[in-house]
Amino acid sequence: MYKIIRSFLFYVQPEKAHHITASLLKIIFNIPGVRILWRSFFSVTDKRLEKKVFGITFPNPVGLAAGFDKDAKMFEDLAECGFGFIEIGTLTPKAQPGNPKPRLFRLKQDEAIINRMGFNNEGVEIAVERLKNRSSNVIIGGNIGKNKVTENDNAIEDYKICFHALFNYVDYFVVNVSSPNTPGLRDLQEKEPLLKILSLLMVENKSYSTPKPILLKIAPDLTDGQLDDIIEIVKESKIAGVIATNTTIARDGLKESKESVDSIGAGGLSGKPVRNRSTEVIRYLSINSNKSFPIIGVGGIHSAEDAIEKLNAGADLVQLYTGFIYEGPSLIKRINKAILKSKNI
């Protein structure tokens, strides 16, 4: 059924298709009984799937990555698809339009997406107002970033604003310094500025009676030396863990023609082509840190086998994004059922 719906959606420009999907879910779930029926079909409820990571007990280890529900508009509906947790954002202190359209592109032959959205969002305070009215108990992560106009030297102030605004309404935080679509943002992945940002956020975190987990989302394009720095930064800052990985700026091994890819231009690549590198990063961090911190694995998960591969490489939880777009909500169910049959429980 989803493939029929997808074939229709794939005739529409990707960003418009995303908005259509959001509207369709709202309409469908307003039909009496559909929400319960949907949940029964896609959700897998089993105590063996529960996993406690950085102090939070997740009902299952399959989450939705940031970028799909930027403004906390869809998390109630998306929760019915069987996700164990949902990450909203990336949110910035002030609303910003993001990069000019078109900025989202499908690479169908590669089952991939290139995006250069540029942290388009309505601002953290608008998202907070929506979160205040949440009715579901789905675990929510808050992915936070800086505004495009904010200089890197002042980036910490943007992260602090978002952190304090969201604190009472999310279960964990993700510091995003790895998107390739905000000029200069990835410079903050260097050891000195990154350690400063994370350390100062940890100070803010300790001002609350019950601090919340802070994670760092990293790019797949880091060298082994930079990954070693990440391990040291996690140790020194005492943050809760790492999300590996964001989108890549690489364009290696694509089935789409070079001319077609070049015509798209800049942006972060996600989907199947990033699967191997994401898994390599997870494995490197896990081995070289002696499993000293939790890792959420994301990147190229389009099947249950892809998810198991991430878990075997050292991930504690996994997240979907592009795979969810290409495969639909049944992918979550297939992954959870595969985990129940595997040694990863």
Foldseek 3Di string as FASTA:
>chain_A
DVVVVLVVLVVDQVVVSLVVVQVVLVVQVVPPPRLVVLLVVQADQDCVQWDAALRDTFRHQEEADEDSAAQQPRPLSVVSLHHSAYEYHQAWAAADQFDDPPFWDAPVVQLKIFGLRGRHYHHLLSSLVNLVPDDDPRAYEYEYFYHLPDDLVCGLVGVVSNCVSCVVRHQEYEYEQAFPNRPPSVVCLDLPNVLVSLLVVVVVQVVDPDGHAYEYEHALPDDLVSLVSVLVSCVVSVGAYYEFYDFYQDDPPRPDDPVVVVVSPGGGMFAQVCLVSSLVSLLSNCVVNVNPHAYEGEGHPQALVSQVSSVVSGHLHYHYDSSCSVPNSNRSVRNRVVCVVDPSD
